[in-house]
Structure formats: structure tokens, C-alpha cells
Amino acid sequence: MATAVNPYHERRTGERRRVAYPGLFSAEGMRVSWGGIFGGVLVAVGLLLLLAALGVAIGISAVDPTQTELAKVGTGAGIWAGISLLVALFIGGFVSTRIGATHDASTGFFAGFLVWVVSLLLVAYLAASGVSSLAGGAFSLMGGAQQMAEQVQQQAQDIQQNMPQLQQKAQEVKPQASRAAWATFGALILSLAAAVLGAAAGRRRAPRSSYPSSSGT
């Protein structure tokens, strides 16, 4: 007599869940919801711009330019920018997995990673576009090619005369530039962690009590 074999005995845990919940796991393997990712990116960038505007408003209202040192202003602005980036990416990662109805942990990790990458690329593009537009406007106001050539020649002569001073300044600035580069690297790692943790927090959990038992027939 043939023995009835429970099909769930022949499947791993992840595959068993896909069989029990075909509406939640529509395909084998990992599937990322791009709709959720783009939604998370939009939320992250929007929050980042909102927090940046809030920081500028607070800074203008609270800082007295006649009494406050510029170094303190720069430090405060950097701290605010870092906090804003972490908050925006955490919420963006949360939204990406919540909208995308993500259940799998590895899928949630990649969703947070993609939110981080796309958000940073979009912010960099917006910053570069703003700089290029400002530069284009400045050059459009400059008059005459001959006048520009004379200015460039004069500046080149000034640079040659001041070369020793410039080299000394470069040596003085080198430690600060190194610290700034490492700080930027650390901020990127922390922002990636914030996006991934947000995605993990927004990941939906399927009810375990409804899973079919492996001991049933």
C-alpha cells in the first residue's frame, strides 16, 4: 500500500510559507518591490529637504552673526545635516518595505540598500544641477571674451607669484581634509545602516499561527 507523503516535509521553511500563502509569496526566490523602493526614495528625499529648510530657518533665527564664530556654525550645520540624513533614510527604508509588503528579511535588506543608493544619487544630482545652474548664470553675466581672457591671465600670474604660500596652505589644510573625508565615509556607513534598519522595521510579518504543521497529513 502506498504511503501518503506530506508535501510540506519535502520543502524548506521558506518554501513552505510560499505554498501556504500564495498571495504573499507569488514567486520563488527574492522579489523586490520597486514601487515600494521609489516610494521610500521620494519620502526620504522629501524629508531631507524639509529638515534642511528647518535647519536653515533655525540657524538664521538663533545665530547672531556678530557674536557667533563661523567654526561653531559650521559644526552645528554638519551635525544637523547628519541627523537629518539618518532620520530621512530610516523613514524612507521603513516606507519602502511597508508599501512593498515585504516579508522576507533578505529582501528587506536589499530594499533598504536600494533606497540608500537611489536617494544619495538623487541628492547628488540635485546638488550638481544647482551648482551648474548657478555657474551658468554667473558666466552669462560676465561681459566680453577679451575681458575674460585678461582676467584669466592675471590670475595665472598671481598664482605663480603666490605658489609658495599656496603650498604651505595646502599642507596646513591636508589634516582637515583627511578628517573630513573619513567623517564623510562614516556618515555614509551610518546612513546605510539607518536605511537598512528602517527597512527591517517596516517589514511585515506573516502570522505564524496560521502556518501548516509539518506533522499533519
Protein backbone atom coordinates (compact mmCIF):
# COMPACT_ATOMS: atom_id res chain seq x y z
CA MET A 1 0.00 0.00 0.00
CA ALA A 2 1.35 3.39 -0.93
CA THR A 3 2.08 5.73 1.94
CA ALA A 4 0.76 9.29 1.75
CA VAL A 5 3.61 11.79 1.99
CA ASN A 6 3.03 15.23 3.45
CA PRO A 7 4.26 17.71 0.80
CA TYR A 8 5.44 20.14 3.48
CA HIS A 9 8.02 17.59 4.67
CA GLU A 10 9.77 17.95 1.34
CA ARG A 11 10.01 21.72 1.45
CA ARG A 12 12.20 24.10 3.35
CA THR A 13 10.68 26.62 5.73
CA GLY A 14 10.71 29.48 3.24
CA GLU A 15 9.18 27.33 0.50
CA ARG A 16 6.54 26.03 2.92
CA ARG A 17 5.43 29.59 3.58
CA ARG A 18 5.15 30.30 -0.12
CA VAL A 19 2.88 27.30 -0.59
CA ALA A 20 0.74 28.20 2.42
CA TYR A 21 0.47 31.87 1.38
CA PRO A 22 0.49 32.04 -2.42
CA GLY A 23 -0.84 35.60 -2.33
CA LEU A 24 2.08 36.81 -0.22
CA PHE A 25 4.85 34.84 -1.93
CA SER A 26 3.97 34.89 -5.60
CA ALA A 27 7.30 33.62 -6.90
CA GLU A 28 10.22 31.54 -5.76
CA GLY A 29 13.22 33.45 -4.52
CA MET A 30 13.63 37.11 -3.65
CA ARG A 31 11.43 39.71 -5.31
CA VAL A 32 11.98 43.42 -4.60
CA SER A 33 9.05 45.84 -4.88
CA TRP A 34 10.29 48.76 -6.98
CA GLY A 35 7.11 50.67 -6.23
CA GLY A 36 7.92 50.48 -2.54
CA ILE A 37 11.54 51.47 -3.18
CA PHE A 38 10.64 54.55 -5.23
CA GLY A 39 8.05 55.48 -2.62
CA GLY A 40 10.72 55.22 0.08
CA VAL A 41 13.13 57.31 -2.00
CA LEU A 42 10.56 60.07 -2.50
CA VAL A 43 9.77 60.11 1.21
CA ALA A 44 13.48 60.15 2.15
CA VAL A 45 14.39 62.99 -0.23
CA GLY A 46 11.30 64.99 0.72
CA LEU A 47 12.05 64.65 4.43
CA LEU A 48 15.69 65.55 3.84
CA LEU A 49 14.71 68.77 2.05
CA LEU A 50 12.16 69.57 4.74
CA LEU A 51 14.66 69.06 7.55
CA ALA A 52 17.28 71.08 5.65
CA ALA A 53 14.86 74.00 5.33
CA LEU A 54 14.03 73.69 9.03
CA GLY A 55 17.72 73.73 9.92
CA VAL A 56 18.32 76.87 7.84
CA ALA A 57 15.34 78.60 9.46
CA ILE A 58 16.52 77.68 12.97
CA GLY A 59 20.07 78.74 12.17
CA ILE A 60 19.07 82.13 10.81
CA SER A 61 16.78 82.77 13.77
CA ALA A 62 19.15 81.62 16.51
CA VAL A 63 22.60 82.64 15.27
CA ASP A 64 23.91 86.16 15.77
CA PRO A 65 26.48 86.76 13.00
CA THR A 66 28.24 89.46 15.02
CA GLN A 67 28.91 87.22 18.04
CA THR A 68 28.94 83.63 16.78
CA GLU A 69 32.11 82.06 15.39
CA LEU A 70 31.89 80.63 11.90
CA ALA A 71 33.52 77.38 13.05
CA LYS A 72 30.70 76.75 15.53
CA VAL A 73 28.11 77.50 12.87
CA GLY A 74 29.74 75.00 10.51
CA THR A 75 29.91 72.32 13.20
CA GLY A 76 26.25 72.79 14.10
CA ALA A 77 25.23 72.67 10.44
CA GLY A 78 27.19 69.45 9.92
CA ILE A 79 25.60 67.77 12.95
CA TRP A 80 22.13 68.80 11.83
CA ALA A 81 22.79 67.55 8.29
CA GLY A 82 23.95 64.18 9.61
CA ILE A 83 20.93 63.75 11.88
CA SER A 84 18.59 64.79 9.07
CA LEU A 85 20.14 62.24 6.70
CA LEU A 86 19.81 59.41 9.22
CA VAL A 87 16.19 60.24 10.05
CA ALA A 88 15.17 60.66 6.40
CA LEU A 89 16.77 57.39 5.26
CA PHE A 90 15.40 55.42 8.21
CA ILE A 91 11.86 56.56 7.44
CA GLY A 92 12.44 56.04 3.71
CA GLY A 93 13.57 52.46 4.32
CA PHE A 94 10.59 51.86 6.58
CA VAL A 95 8.17 53.15 3.93
CA SER A 96 9.79 51.05 1.18
CA THR A 97 9.15 47.71 2.87
CA ARG A 98 5.80 48.76 4.31
CA ILE A 99 4.43 49.84 0.91
CA GLY A 100 6.05 46.89 -0.85
CA ALA A 101 4.52 44.42 1.66
CA THR A 102 7.95 42.84 2.15
CA HIS A 103 8.10 39.78 4.42
CA ASP A 104 11.50 38.24 3.73
CA ALA A 105 14.47 39.56 5.75
CA SER A 106 16.96 39.44 2.86
CA THR A 107 14.50 41.22 0.57
CA GLY A 108 14.05 43.91 3.21
CA PHE A 109 17.83 44.35 3.43
CA PHE A 110 18.18 44.89 -0.31
CA ALA A 111 15.17 47.23 -0.31
CA GLY A 112 16.86 49.41 2.31
CA PHE A 113 20.14 49.28 0.40
CA LEU A 114 18.47 50.37 -2.84
CA VAL A 115 16.64 53.20 -1.07
CA TRP A 116 20.01 54.38 0.25
CA VAL A 117 21.72 54.23 -3.15
CA VAL A 118 18.95 55.87 -5.16
CA SER A 119 18.40 58.60 -2.55
CA LEU A 120 22.09 59.54 -2.47
CA LEU A 121 22.31 59.57 -6.26
CA LEU A 122 19.22 61.77 -6.50
CA VAL A 123 20.52 64.20 -3.86
CA ALA A 124 23.91 64.36 -5.60
CA TYR A 125 22.20 65.02 -8.94
CA LEU A 126 20.10 67.82 -7.45
CA ALA A 127 23.16 69.37 -5.83
CA ALA A 128 25.17 69.17 -9.06
CA SER A 129 22.29 70.65 -11.04
CA GLY A 130 22.04 73.55 -8.63
CA VAL A 131 25.77 74.24 -8.80
CA SER A 132 25.84 74.05 -12.60
CA SER A 133 22.84 76.37 -12.93
CA LEU A 134 24.45 78.90 -10.61
CA ALA A 135 27.71 78.69 -12.54
CA GLY A 136 25.87 79.14 -15.84
CA GLY A 137 24.09 82.21 -14.53
CA ALA A 138 27.34 83.71 -13.30
CA PHE A 139 29.11 83.18 -16.62
CA SER A 140 26.20 84.61 -18.56
CA LEU A 141 26.59 87.89 -16.67
CA MET A 142 30.27 88.22 -17.45
CA GLY A 143 30.97 90.51 -20.32
CA GLY A 144 33.28 90.00 -23.27
CA ALA A 145 35.64 87.18 -24.15
CA GLN A 146 38.63 89.51 -24.23
CA GLN A 147 37.99 90.74 -20.71
CA MET A 148 37.69 87.16 -19.50
CA ALA A 149 40.99 86.24 -21.13
CA GLU A 150 42.75 89.16 -19.45
CA GLN A 151 41.34 88.16 -16.09
CA VAL A 152 42.48 84.56 -16.52
CA GLN A 153 45.98 85.69 -17.48
CA GLN A 154 46.21 87.98 -14.48
CA GLN A 155 45.02 85.23 -12.16
CA ALA A 156 47.61 82.83 -13.58
CA GLN A 157 50.36 85.34 -12.83
CA ASP A 158 49.06 85.83 -9.31
CA ILE A 159 49.03 82.07 -8.75
CA GLN A 160 52.65 81.74 -9.89
CA GLN A 161 53.72 84.52 -7.55
CA ASN A 162 51.83 83.06 -4.61
CA MET A 163 52.80 79.42 -5.24
CA PRO A 164 54.94 79.04 -2.06
CA GLN A 165 52.12 80.38 0.10
CA LEU A 166 49.63 78.10 -1.63
CA GLN A 167 51.81 75.05 -1.00
CA GLN A 168 52.07 75.96 2.67
CA LYS A 169 48.31 76.39 2.90
CA ALA A 170 47.81 73.00 1.24
CA GLN A 171 49.99 71.34 3.87
CA GLU A 172 48.01 73.05 6.62
CA VAL A 173 44.67 72.03 5.15
CA LYS A 174 45.66 68.39 4.49
CA PRO A 175 44.85 67.07 8.02
CA GLN A 176 41.48 68.80 7.98
CA ALA A 177 40.69 67.38 4.55
CA SER A 178 41.65 63.89 5.75
CA ARG A 179 39.36 64.17 8.78
CA ALA A 180 36.54 65.46 6.59
CA ALA A 181 36.96 62.54 4.18
CA TRP A 182 36.83 59.97 6.99
CA ALA A 183 33.84 61.74 8.53
CA THR A 184 32.05 61.59 5.19
CA PHE A 185 32.79 57.88 4.90
CA GLY A 186 31.47 57.26 8.41
CA ALA A 187 28.33 59.27 7.66
CA LEU A 188 27.67 57.18 4.56
CA ILE A 189 28.02 53.94 6.53
CA LEU A 190 25.68 55.22 9.24
CA SER A 191 23.15 56.37 6.65
CA LEU A 192 23.24 52.93 5.02
CA ALA A 193 22.65 51.32 8.41
CA ALA A 194 19.73 53.69 9.04
CA ALA A 195 18.09 52.79 5.72
CA VAL A 196 18.53 49.04 6.29
CA LEU A 197 17.23 49.23 9.88
CA GLY A 198 14.25 51.26 8.71
CA ALA A 199 13.50 48.65 6.06
CA ALA A 200 13.74 45.89 8.67
CA ALA A 201 11.37 47.80 10.97
CA GLY A 202 8.83 48.26 8.18
CA ARG A 203 8.92 44.63 7.07
CA ARG A 204 5.59 42.87 7.53
CA ARG A 205 5.43 39.62 9.48
CA ALA A 206 3.11 36.82 8.39
CA PRO A 207 1.12 35.28 11.26
CA ARG A 208 2.99 32.19 12.45
CA SER A 209 -0.08 30.61 14.00
CA SER A 210 -1.58 30.10 10.54
CA TYR A 211 1.36 28.10 9.15
CA PRO A 212 0.50 24.47 8.40
CA SER A 213 2.06 22.00 10.78
CA SER A 214 4.73 19.68 9.38
CA SER A 215 3.32 16.79 11.39
CA GLY A 216 -0.11 16.91 9.73
CA THR A 217 -1.20 14.84 6.78
